[in-house]
Amino acid sequence: RELCHELYKSWENDPAIYMEMDLFAPYQYNETAVNRYFDSKQDPS
């Protein structure tokens, strides 16, 4: 969790990974969102 927060504090969204540019937005760090993201990735697969 700590590394995830450190990573996302300096994160920048990359327009190259968006198929539809109207979905692209600059990233803004949000502690709650990073916690939710980290928790969503915790599964045995």
All heavy atoms as atom14 arrays in JSON, in Angstrom:
{
  "sequence": "RELCHELYKSWENDPAIYMEMDLFAPYQYNETAVNRYFDSKQDPS",
  "atom14_mask": [
    [1, 1, 1, 1, 1, 1, 1, 1, 1, 1, 1, 0, 0, 0],
    [1, 1, 1, 1, 1, 1, 1, 1, 1, 0, 0, 0, 0, 0],
    [1, 1, 1, 1, 1, 1, 1, 1, 0, 0, 0, 0, 0, 0],
    [1, 1, 1, 1, 1, 1, 0, 0, 0, 0, 0, 0, 0, 0],
    [1, 1, 1, 1, 1, 1, 1, 1, 1, 1, 0, 0, 0, 0],
    [1, 1, 1, 1, 1, 1, 1, 1, 1, 0, 0, 0, 0, 0],
    [1, 1, 1, 1, 1, 1, 1, 1, 0, 0, 0, 0, 0, 0],
    [1, 1, 1, 1, 1, 1, 1, 1, 1, 1, 1, 1, 0, 0],
    [1, 1, 1, 1, 1, 1, 1, 1, 1, 0, 0, 0, 0, 0],
    [1, 1, 1, 1, 1, 1, 0, 0, 0, 0, 0, 0, 0, 0],
    [1, 1, 1, 1, 1, 1, 1, 1, 1, 1, 1, 1, 1, 1],
    [1, 1, 1, 1, 1, 1, 1, 1, 1, 0, 0, 0, 0, 0],
    [1, 1, 1, 1, 1, 1, 1, 1, 0, 0, 0, 0, 0, 0],
    [1, 1, 1, 1, 1, 1, 1, 1, 0, 0, 0, 0, 0, 0],
    [1, 1, 1, 1, 1, 1, 1, 0, 0, 0, 0, 0, 0, 0],
    [1, 1, 1, 1, 1, 0, 0, 0, 0, 0, 0, 0, 0, 0],
    [1, 1, 1, 1, 1, 1, 1, 1, 0, 0, 0, 0, 0, 0],
    [1, 1, 1, 1, 1, 1, 1, 1, 1, 1, 1, 1, 0, 0],
    [1, 1, 1, 1, 1, 1, 1, 1, 0, 0, 0, 0, 0, 0],
    [1, 1, 1, 1, 1, 1, 1, 1, 1, 0, 0, 0, 0, 0],
    [1, 1, 1, 1, 1, 1, 1, 1, 0, 0, 0, 0, 0, 0],
    [1, 1, 1, 1, 1, 1, 1, 1, 0, 0, 0, 0, 0, 0],
    [1, 1, 1, 1, 1, 1, 1, 1, 0, 0, 0, 0, 0, 0],
    [1, 1, 1, 1, 1, 1, 1, 1, 1, 1, 1, 0, 0, 0],
    [1, 1, 1, 1, 1, 0, 0, 0, 0, 0, 0, 0, 0, 0],
    [1, 1, 1, 1, 1, 1, 1, 0, 0, 0, 0, 0, 0, 0],
    [1, 1, 1, 1, 1, 1, 1, 1, 1, 1, 1, 1, 0, 0],
    [1, 1, 1, 1, 1, 1, 1, 1, 1, 0, 0, 0, 0, 0],
    [1, 1, 1, 1, 1, 1, 1, 1, 1, 1, 1, 1, 0, 0],
    [1, 1, 1, 1, 1, 1, 1, 1, 0, 0, 0, 0, 0, 0],
    [1, 1, 1, 1, 1, 1, 1, 1, 1, 0, 0, 0, 0, 0],
    [1, 1, 1, 1, 1, 1, 1, 0, 0, 0, 0, 0, 0, 0],
    [1, 1, 1, 1, 1, 0, 0, 0, 0, 0, 0, 0, 0, 0],
    [1, 1, 1, 1, 1, 1, 1, 0, 0, 0, 0, 0, 0, 0],
    [1, 1, 1, 1, 1, 1, 1, 1, 0, 0, 0, 0, 0, 0],
    [1, 1, 1, 1, 1, 1, 1, 1, 1, 1, 1, 0, 0, 0],
    [1, 1, 1, 1, 1, 1, 1, 1, 1, 1, 1, 1, 0, 0],
    [1, 1, 1, 1, 1, 1, 1, 1, 1, 1, 1, 0, 0, 0],
    [1, 1, 1, 1, 1, 1, 1, 1, 0, 0, 0, 0, 0, 0],
    [1, 1, 1, 1, 1, 1, 0, 0, 0, 0, 0, 0, 0, 0],
    [1, 1, 1, 1, 1, 1, 1, 1, 1, 0, 0, 0, 0, 0],
    [1, 1, 1, 1, 1, 1, 1, 1, 1, 0, 0, 0, 0, 0],
    [1, 1, 1, 1, 1, 1, 1, 1, 0, 0, 0, 0, 0, 0],
    [1, 1, 1, 1, 1, 1, 1, 0, 0, 0, 0, 0, 0, 0],
    [1, 1, 1, 1, 1, 1, 0, 0, 0, 0, 0, 0, 0, 0]
  ],
  "atom14_positions": [
    [[0.84, -1.2, 0.0], [0.0, 0.0, 0.0], [0.88, 1.26, 0.0], [0.62, 2.22, -0.73], [-0.94, -0.02, 1.21], [-1.95, 1.1, 1.22], [-2.89, 0.98, 2.42], [-3.58, -0.29, 2.47], [-4.7, -0.59, 1.8], [-5.25, 0.32, 1.01], [-5.27, -1.76, 1.91], [0.0, 0.0, 0.0], [0.0, 0.0, 0.0], [0.0, 0.0, 0.0]],
    [[1.95, 1.23, 0.79], [2.83, 2.39, 0.89], [3.52, 2.68, -0.45], [3.61, 3.84, -0.88], [3.87, 2.19, 1.99], [3.29, 2.12, 3.39], [2.57, 0.8, 3.71], [2.84, -0.24, 3.06], [1.71, 0.81, 4.62], [0.0, 0.0, 0.0], [0.0, 0.0, 0.0], [0.0, 0.0, 0.0], [0.0, 0.0, 0.0], [0.0, 0.0, 0.0]],
    [[4.02, 1.62, -1.11], [4.66, 1.81, -2.41], [3.65, 2.31, -3.44], [3.98, 3.15, -4.29], [5.3, 0.51, -2.89], [6.58, 0.08, -2.21], [7.0, -1.32, -2.66], [7.7, 1.09, -2.45], [0.0, 0.0, 0.0], [0.0, 0.0, 0.0], [0.0, 0.0, 0.0], [0.0, 0.0, 0.0], [0.0, 0.0, 0.0], [0.0, 0.0, 0.0]],
    [[2.43, 1.81, -3.37], [1.39, 2.24, -4.29], [1.14, 3.74, -4.14], [1.06, 4.47, -5.14], [0.12, 1.43, -4.04], [-1.09, 1.51, -5.37], [0.0, 0.0, 0.0], [0.0, 0.0, 0.0], [0.0, 0.0, 0.0], [0.0, 0.0, 0.0], [0.0, 0.0, 0.0], [0.0, 0.0, 0.0], [0.0, 0.0, 0.0], [0.0, 0.0, 0.0]],
    [[1.08, 4.22, -2.9], [0.88, 5.66, -2.69], [2.09, 6.45, -3.21], [1.91, 7.49, -3.87], [0.63, 5.97, -1.21], [-0.77, 5.68, -0.81], [-1.81, 6.54, -1.06], [-1.31, 4.6, -0.19], [-2.94, 6.02, -0.6], [-2.66, 4.83, -0.08], [0.0, 0.0, 0.0], [0.0, 0.0, 0.0], [0.0, 0.0, 0.0], [0.0, 0.0, 0.0]],
    [[3.28, 5.96, -2.94], [4.48, 6.66, -3.42], [4.48, 6.74, -4.95], [4.79, 7.77, -5.53], [5.74, 5.95, -2.91], [7.01, 6.72, -3.22], [8.25, 6.06, -2.64], [8.13, 5.2, -1.75], [9.34, 6.43, -3.11], [0.0, 0.0, 0.0], [0.0, 0.0, 0.0], [0.0, 0.0, 0.0], [0.0, 0.0, 0.0], [0.0, 0.0, 0.0]],
    [[4.12, 5.63, -5.6], [4.06, 5.59, -7.06], [3.07, 6.61, -7.6], [3.37, 7.39, -8.51], [3.67, 4.18, -7.53], [3.46, 3.98, -9.02], [4.77, 4.13, -9.77], [2.83, 2.62, -9.28], [0.0, 0.0, 0.0], [0.0, 0.0, 0.0], [0.0, 0.0, 0.0], [0.0, 0.0, 0.0], [0.0, 0.0, 0.0], [0.0, 0.0, 0.0]],
    [[1.88, 6.62, -7.04], [0.81, 7.45, -7.6], [0.91, 8.92, -7.2], [0.26, 9.77, -7.82], [-0.56, 6.84, -7.28], [-0.86, 5.73, -8.26], [-0.58, 4.4, -7.95], [-1.36, 6.02, -9.52], [-0.81, 3.39, -8.86], [-1.58, 5.02, -10.45], [-1.31, 3.71, -10.11], [-1.52, 2.71, -11.03], [0.0, 0.0, 0.0], [0.0, 0.0, 0.0]],
    [[1.74, 9.27, -6.26], [1.93, 10.69, -5.94], [2.61, 11.44, -7.08], [2.45, 12.65, -7.21], [2.71, 10.84, -4.64], [1.86, 10.56, -3.42], [2.64, 10.68, -2.13], [1.74, 10.34, -0.94], [2.48, 10.31, 0.32], [0.0, 0.0, 0.0], [0.0, 0.0, 0.0], [0.0, 0.0, 0.0], [0.0, 0.0, 0.0], [0.0, 0.0, 0.0]],
    [[3.39, 10.72, -7.9], [4.06, 11.35, -9.06], [3.55, 10.78, -10.38], [4.24, 10.84, -11.39], [5.57, 11.13, -8.95], [6.09, 11.76, -7.81], [0.0, 0.0, 0.0], [0.0, 0.0, 0.0], [0.0, 0.0, 0.0], [0.0, 0.0, 0.0], [0.0, 0.0, 0.0], [0.0, 0.0, 0.0], [0.0, 0.0, 0.0], [0.0, 0.0, 0.0]],
    [[2.36, 10.23, -10.39], [1.79, 9.58, -11.56], [1.33, 10.62, -12.58], [0.86, 11.7, -12.2], [0.59, 8.73, -11.15], [0.12, 7.84, -12.25], [-0.89, 8.08, -13.13], [0.66, 6.57, -12.59], [-1.02, 7.03, -14.0], [-0.08, 6.08, -13.69], [1.69, 5.77, -12.08], [0.18, 4.86, -14.28], [1.94, 4.55, -12.66], [1.19, 4.1, -13.74]],
    [[1.45, 10.28, -13.87], [0.88, 11.09, -14.94], [0.16, 10.14, -15.89], [0.74, 9.14, -16.31], [1.98, 11.84, -15.71], [2.67, 12.9, -14.88], [3.83, 13.55, -15.62], [3.94, 13.37, -16.86], [4.62, 14.23, -14.96], [0.0, 0.0, 0.0], [0.0, 0.0, 0.0], [0.0, 0.0, 0.0], [0.0, 0.0, 0.0], [0.0, 0.0, 0.0]],
    [[-1.09, 10.43, -16.21], [-1.81, 9.62, -17.18], [-1.16, 9.76, -18.55], [-0.7, 10.84, -18.92], [-3.29, 10.02, -17.25], [-4.09, 9.46, -16.12], [-3.66, 8.52, -15.46], [-5.26, 10.03, -15.87], [0.0, 0.0, 0.0], [0.0, 0.0, 0.0], [0.0, 0.0, 0.0], [0.0, 0.0, 0.0], [0.0, 0.0, 0.0], [0.0, 0.0, 0.0]],
    [[-1.13, 8.66, -19.3], [-0.49, 8.62, -20.61], [-1.57, 8.58, -21.68], [-2.34, 7.63, -21.76], [0.39, 7.36, -20.7], [1.18, 7.27, -21.98], [0.9, 8.05, -22.92], [2.07, 6.42, -22.05], [0.0, 0.0, 0.0], [0.0, 0.0, 0.0], [0.0, 0.0, 0.0], [0.0, 0.0, 0.0], [0.0, 0.0, 0.0], [0.0, 0.0, 0.0]],
    [[-1.63, 9.61, -22.53], [-2.66, 9.62, -23.57], [-2.54, 8.44, -24.54], [-3.52, 8.07, -25.18], [-2.45, 10.95, -24.29], [-1.23, 11.56, -23.74], [-0.81, 10.8, -22.53], [0.0, 0.0, 0.0], [0.0, 0.0, 0.0], [0.0, 0.0, 0.0], [0.0, 0.0, 0.0], [0.0, 0.0, 0.0], [0.0, 0.0, 0.0], [0.0, 0.0, 0.0]],
    [[-1.37, 7.81, -24.63], [-1.17, 6.7, -25.56], [-1.97, 5.46, -25.17], [-2.13, 4.55, -25.98], [0.31, 6.34, -25.65], [0.0, 0.0, 0.0], [0.0, 0.0, 0.0], [0.0, 0.0, 0.0], [0.0, 0.0, 0.0], [0.0, 0.0, 0.0], [0.0, 0.0, 0.0], [0.0, 0.0, 0.0], [0.0, 0.0, 0.0], [0.0, 0.0, 0.0]],
    [[-2.47, 5.39, -23.95], [-3.22, 4.2, -23.55], [-4.74, 4.42, -23.6], [-5.49, 3.54, -23.22], [-2.8, 3.67, -22.16], [-3.17, 4.63, -21.05], [-1.32, 3.34, -22.13], [-3.02, 4.06, -19.66], [0.0, 0.0, 0.0], [0.0, 0.0, 0.0], [0.0, 0.0, 0.0], [0.0, 0.0, 0.0], [0.0, 0.0, 0.0], [0.0, 0.0, 0.0]],
    [[-5.15, 5.57, -24.1], [-6.59, 5.86, -24.2], [-7.04, 5.68, -25.64], [-6.54, 6.36, -26.55], [-6.89, 7.28, -23.73], [-6.81, 7.42, -22.23], [-5.58, 7.61, -21.6], [-7.94, 7.33, -21.45], [-5.49, 7.72, -20.23], [-7.86, 7.43, -20.07], [-6.64, 7.63, -19.47], [-6.55, 7.73, -18.11], [0.0, 0.0, 0.0], [0.0, 0.0, 0.0]],
    [[-7.99, 4.77, -25.85], [-8.56, 4.6, -27.19], [-9.41, 5.81, -27.55], [-9.43, 6.25, -28.68], [-9.4, 3.33, -27.27], [-8.58, 2.08, -27.19], [-9.49, 0.54, -27.49], [-11.13, 0.84, -26.93], [0.0, 0.0, 0.0], [0.0, 0.0, 0.0], [0.0, 0.0, 0.0], [0.0, 0.0, 0.0], [0.0, 0.0, 0.0], [0.0, 0.0, 0.0]],
    [[-10.12, 6.33, -26.57], [-10.99, 7.48, -26.79], [-10.46, 8.65, -25.97], [-10.51, 8.63, -24.74], [-12.42, 7.15, -26.37], [-13.02, 6.02, -27.18], [-14.42, 5.65, -26.69], [-15.15, 6.56, -26.25], [-14.75, 4.46, -26.77], [0.0, 0.0, 0.0], [0.0, 0.0, 0.0], [0.0, 0.0, 0.0], [0.0, 0.0, 0.0], [0.0, 0.0, 0.0]],
    [[-9.96, 9.65, -26.66], [-9.31, 10.77, -25.97], [-10.29, 11.59, -25.13], [-9.86, 12.29, -24.22], [-8.57, 11.67, -26.96], [-7.28, 11.05, -27.45], [-6.18, 10.5, -26.11], [-5.79, 12.04, -25.3], [0.0, 0.0, 0.0], [0.0, 0.0, 0.0], [0.0, 0.0, 0.0], [0.0, 0.0, 0.0], [0.0, 0.0, 0.0], [0.0, 0.0, 0.0]],
    [[-11.58, 11.48, -25.38], [-12.52, 12.21, -24.53], [-12.58, 11.62, -23.12], [-13.1, 12.24, -22.2], [-13.91, 12.29, -25.17], [-14.5, 10.94, -25.5], [-13.74, 9.99, -25.77], [-15.74, 10.84, -25.51], [0.0, 0.0, 0.0], [0.0, 0.0, 0.0], [0.0, 0.0, 0.0], [0.0, 0.0, 0.0], [0.0, 0.0, 0.0], [0.0, 0.0, 0.0]],
    [[-12.0, 10.42, -22.93], [-11.91, 9.82, -21.59], [-10.64, 10.22, -20.86], [-10.5, 9.99, -19.66], [-11.97, 8.29, -21.69], [-13.24, 7.71, -22.28], [-13.12, 6.19, -22.39], [-14.45, 8.1, -21.45], [0.0, 0.0, 0.0], [0.0, 0.0, 0.0], [0.0, 0.0, 0.0], [0.0, 0.0, 0.0], [0.0, 0.0, 0.0], [0.0, 0.0, 0.0]],
    [[-9.68, 10.83, -21.59], [-8.41, 11.21, -20.99], [-8.57, 12.44, -20.11], [-9.25, 13.4, -20.47], [-7.37, 11.51, -22.07], [-6.07, 12.01, -21.51], [-5.15, 11.14, -20.97], [-5.79, 13.37, -21.49], [-3.95, 11.59, -20.44], [-4.6, 13.84, -20.96], [-3.68, 12.94, -20.43], [0.0, 0.0, 0.0], [0.0, 0.0, 0.0], [0.0, 0.0, 0.0]],
    [[-7.93, 12.39, -18.94], [-7.87, 13.56, -18.06], [-6.56, 13.49, -17.3], [-6.07, 12.4, -17.0], [-9.04, 13.55, -17.07], [0.0, 0.0, 0.0], [0.0, 0.0, 0.0], [0.0, 0.0, 0.0], [0.0, 0.0, 0.0], [0.0, 0.0, 0.0], [0.0, 0.0, 0.0], [0.0, 0.0, 0.0], [0.0, 0.0, 0.0], [0.0, 0.0, 0.0]],
    [[-5.97, 14.63, -17.0], [-4.75, 14.62, -16.19], [-5.03, 13.97, -14.84], [-6.12, 14.12, -14.28], [-4.4, 16.09, -16.02], [-5.1, 16.79, -17.14], [-6.34, 15.98, -17.4], [0.0, 0.0, 0.0], [0.0, 0.0, 0.0], [0.0, 0.0, 0.0], [0.0, 0.0, 0.0], [0.0, 0.0, 0.0], [0.0, 0.0, 0.0], [0.0, 0.0, 0.0]],
    [[-4.04, 13.22, -14.34], [-4.21, 12.52, -13.07], [-3.97, 13.46, -11.91], [-3.05, 14.27, -11.94], [-3.22, 11.34, -12.99], [-3.28, 10.62, -11.68], [-4.28, 9.7, -11.42], [-2.35, 10.87, -10.68], [-4.36, 9.05, -10.21], [-2.41, 10.22, -9.46], [-3.41, 9.31, -9.23], [-3.49, 8.66, -8.03], [0.0, 0.0, 0.0], [0.0, 0.0, 0.0]],
    [[-4.8, 13.33, -10.88], [-4.59, 14.05, -9.63], [-4.6, 13.02, -8.5], [-5.54, 12.22, -8.39], [-5.68, 15.08, -9.41], [-5.6, 16.24, -10.38], [-6.58, 17.34, -10.02], [-7.48, 17.18, -9.22], [-6.39, 18.49, -10.64], [0.0, 0.0, 0.0], [0.0, 0.0, 0.0], [0.0, 0.0, 0.0], [0.0, 0.0, 0.0], [0.0, 0.0, 0.0]],
    [[-3.56, 13.03, -7.7], [-3.44, 12.08, -6.6], [-4.6, 12.24, -5.63], [-4.98, 13.36, -5.27], [-2.11, 12.29, -5.87], [-1.99, 11.46, -4.62], [-1.73, 10.1, -4.69], [-2.15, 12.04, -3.36], [-1.63, 9.32, -3.55], [-2.04, 11.27, -2.21], [-1.78, 9.92, -2.31], [-1.68, 9.15, -1.18], [0.0, 0.0, 0.0], [0.0, 0.0, 0.0]],
    [[-5.15, 11.1, -5.21], [-6.23, 11.08, -4.24], [-6.01, 9.85, -3.34], [-6.05, 8.72, -3.83], [-7.57, 10.99, -4.97], [-8.74, 10.87, -4.03], [-8.88, 9.89, -3.32], [-9.59, 11.88, -4.05], [0.0, 0.0, 0.0], [0.0, 0.0, 0.0], [0.0, 0.0, 0.0], [0.0, 0.0, 0.0], [0.0, 0.0, 0.0], [0.0, 0.0, 0.0]],
    [[-5.76, 10.08, -2.08], [-5.43, 9.0, -1.15], [-6.51, 7.91, -1.12], [-6.21, 6.72, -1.17], [-5.2, 9.56, 0.25], [-4.81, 8.5, 1.26], [-4.52, 9.07, 2.64], [-4.63, 10.29, 2.83], [-4.18, 8.27, 3.53], [0.0, 0.0, 0.0], [0.0, 0.0, 0.0], [0.0, 0.0, 0.0], [0.0, 0.0, 0.0], [0.0, 0.0, 0.0]],
    [[-7.75, 8.31, -1.04], [-8.85, 7.34, -0.99], [-8.92, 6.52, -2.27], [-9.1, 5.3, -2.22], [-10.19, 8.08, -0.75], [-10.08, 8.82, 0.48], [-11.34, 7.11, -0.67], [0.0, 0.0, 0.0], [0.0, 0.0, 0.0], [0.0, 0.0, 0.0], [0.0, 0.0, 0.0], [0.0, 0.0, 0.0], [0.0, 0.0, 0.0], [0.0, 0.0, 0.0]],
    [[-8.75, 7.17, -3.4], [-8.8, 6.45, -4.69], [-7.64, 5.46, -4.81], [-7.83, 4.35, -5.31], [-8.77, 7.45, -5.84], [0.0, 0.0, 0.0], [0.0, 0.0, 0.0], [0.0, 0.0, 0.0], [0.0, 0.0, 0.0], [0.0, 0.0, 0.0], [0.0, 0.0, 0.0], [0.0, 0.0, 0.0], [0.0, 0.0, 0.0], [0.0, 0.0, 0.0]],
    [[-6.45, 5.82, -4.34], [-5.31, 4.92, -4.4], [-5.55, 3.72, -3.47], [-5.26, 2.58, -3.84], [-3.98, 5.64, -4.08], [-2.83, 4.65, -3.95], [-3.68, 6.67, -5.16], [0.0, 0.0, 0.0], [0.0, 0.0, 0.0], [0.0, 0.0, 0.0], [0.0, 0.0, 0.0], [0.0, 0.0, 0.0], [0.0, 0.0, 0.0], [0.0, 0.0, 0.0]],
    [[-6.09, 3.97, -2.29], [-6.43, 2.85, -1.4], [-7.44, 1.92, -2.04], [-7.3, 0.69, -1.99], [-6.98, 3.37, -0.07], [-5.88, 3.84, 0.86], [-4.76, 3.33, 0.83], [-6.2, 4.82, 1.69], [0.0, 0.0, 0.0], [0.0, 0.0, 0.0], [0.0, 0.0, 0.0], [0.0, 0.0, 0.0], [0.0, 0.0, 0.0], [0.0, 0.0, 0.0]],
    [[-8.46, 2.48, -2.67], [-9.48, 1.68, -3.34], [-8.85, 0.88, -4.49], [-9.14, -0.3, -4.66], [-10.6, 2.6, -3.83], [-11.84, 1.89, -4.29], [-13.02, 2.82, -4.56], [-12.69, 4.09, -5.18], [-12.78, 5.28, -4.56], [-13.2, 5.36, -3.32], [-12.46, 6.39, -5.19], [0.0, 0.0, 0.0], [0.0, 0.0, 0.0], [0.0, 0.0, 0.0]],
    [[-7.97, 1.51, -5.26], [-7.29, 0.84, -6.36], [-6.45, -0.32, -5.83], [-6.53, -1.45, -6.32], [-6.41, 1.83, -7.13], [-5.53, 1.17, -8.15], [-6.05, 0.77, -9.37], [-4.18, 0.93, -7.9], [-5.25, 0.14, -10.32], [-3.38, 0.31, -8.83], [-3.92, -0.08, -10.04], [-3.13, -0.71, -10.96], [0.0, 0.0, 0.0], [0.0, 0.0, 0.0]],
    [[-5.63, -0.05, -4.83], [-4.77, -1.1, -4.25], [-5.61, -2.27, -3.75], [-5.31, -3.43, -4.04], [-3.91, -0.52, -3.13], [-3.01, -1.54, -2.49], [-1.82, -1.91, -3.1], [-3.37, -2.15, -1.3], [-0.99, -2.86, -2.52], [-2.55, -3.1, -0.71], [-1.36, -3.46, -1.33], [0.0, 0.0, 0.0], [0.0, 0.0, 0.0], [0.0, 0.0, 0.0]],
    [[-6.67, -1.97, -3.03], [-7.54, -3.03, -2.49], [-8.17, -3.85, -3.61], [-8.33, -5.07, -3.49], [-8.64, -2.44, -1.61], [-8.09, -1.87, -0.29], [-6.96, -2.23, 0.11], [-8.8, -1.05, 0.31], [0.0, 0.0, 0.0], [0.0, 0.0, 0.0], [0.0, 0.0, 0.0], [0.0, 0.0, 0.0], [0.0, 0.0, 0.0], [0.0, 0.0, 0.0]],
    [[-8.5, -3.21, -4.73], [-9.15, -3.92, -5.84], [-8.21, -4.91, -6.52], [-8.67, -5.81, -7.23], [-9.69, -2.93, -6.87], [-8.64, -2.39, -7.66], [0.0, 0.0, 0.0], [0.0, 0.0, 0.0], [0.0, 0.0, 0.0], [0.0, 0.0, 0.0], [0.0, 0.0, 0.0], [0.0, 0.0, 0.0], [0.0, 0.0, 0.0], [0.0, 0.0, 0.0]],
    [[-6.92, -4.77, -6.32], [-5.94, -5.64, -6.98], [-5.52, -6.82, -6.1], [-4.67, -7.61, -6.51], [-4.68, -4.83, -7.37], [-4.96, -3.67, -8.28], [-5.66, -4.1, -9.55], [-6.0, -2.91, -10.43], [-6.85, -3.28, -11.55], [0.0, 0.0, 0.0], [0.0, 0.0, 0.0], [0.0, 0.0, 0.0], [0.0, 0.0, 0.0], [0.0, 0.0, 0.0]],
    [[-6.1, -6.96, -4.93], [-5.73, -8.03, -4.01], [-6.63, -9.24, -4.21], [-7.7, -9.34, -3.64], [-5.82, -7.53, -2.55], [-5.05, -6.26, -2.28], [-3.6, -6.35, -2.68], [-2.87, -7.25, -2.26], [-3.15, -5.42, -3.52], [0.0, 0.0, 0.0], [0.0, 0.0, 0.0], [0.0, 0.0, 0.0], [0.0, 0.0, 0.0], [0.0, 0.0, 0.0]],
    [[-6.19, -10.14, -5.08], [-6.92, -11.39, -5.26], [-5.91, -12.46, -5.68], [-4.84, -12.15, -6.2], [-8.09, -11.24, -6.23], [-7.68, -11.11, -7.68], [-7.16, -12.09, -8.24], [-7.89, -10.03, -8.25], [0.0, 0.0, 0.0], [0.0, 0.0, 0.0], [0.0, 0.0, 0.0], [0.0, 0.0, 0.0], [0.0, 0.0, 0.0], [0.0, 0.0, 0.0]],
    [[-6.24, -13.73, -5.47], [-5.27, -14.8, -5.72], [-4.91, -15.03, -7.18], [-3.92, -15.69, -7.46], [-5.95, -16.06, -5.15], [-7.32, -15.68, -4.77], [-7.47, -14.2, -4.86], [0.0, 0.0, 0.0], [0.0, 0.0, 0.0], [0.0, 0.0, 0.0], [0.0, 0.0, 0.0], [0.0, 0.0, 0.0], [0.0, 0.0, 0.0], [0.0, 0.0, 0.0]],
    [[-5.66, -14.46, -8.1], [-5.34, -14.65, -9.51], [-4.48, -13.51, -10.07], [-4.33, -13.36, -11.27], [-6.63, -14.75, -10.34], [-7.29, -13.5, -10.38], [0.0, 0.0, 0.0], [0.0, 0.0, 0.0], [0.0, 0.0, 0.0], [0.0, 0.0, 0.0], [0.0, 0.0, 0.0], [0.0, 0.0, 0.0], [0.0, 0.0, 0.0], [0.0, 0.0, 0.0]]
  ]
}
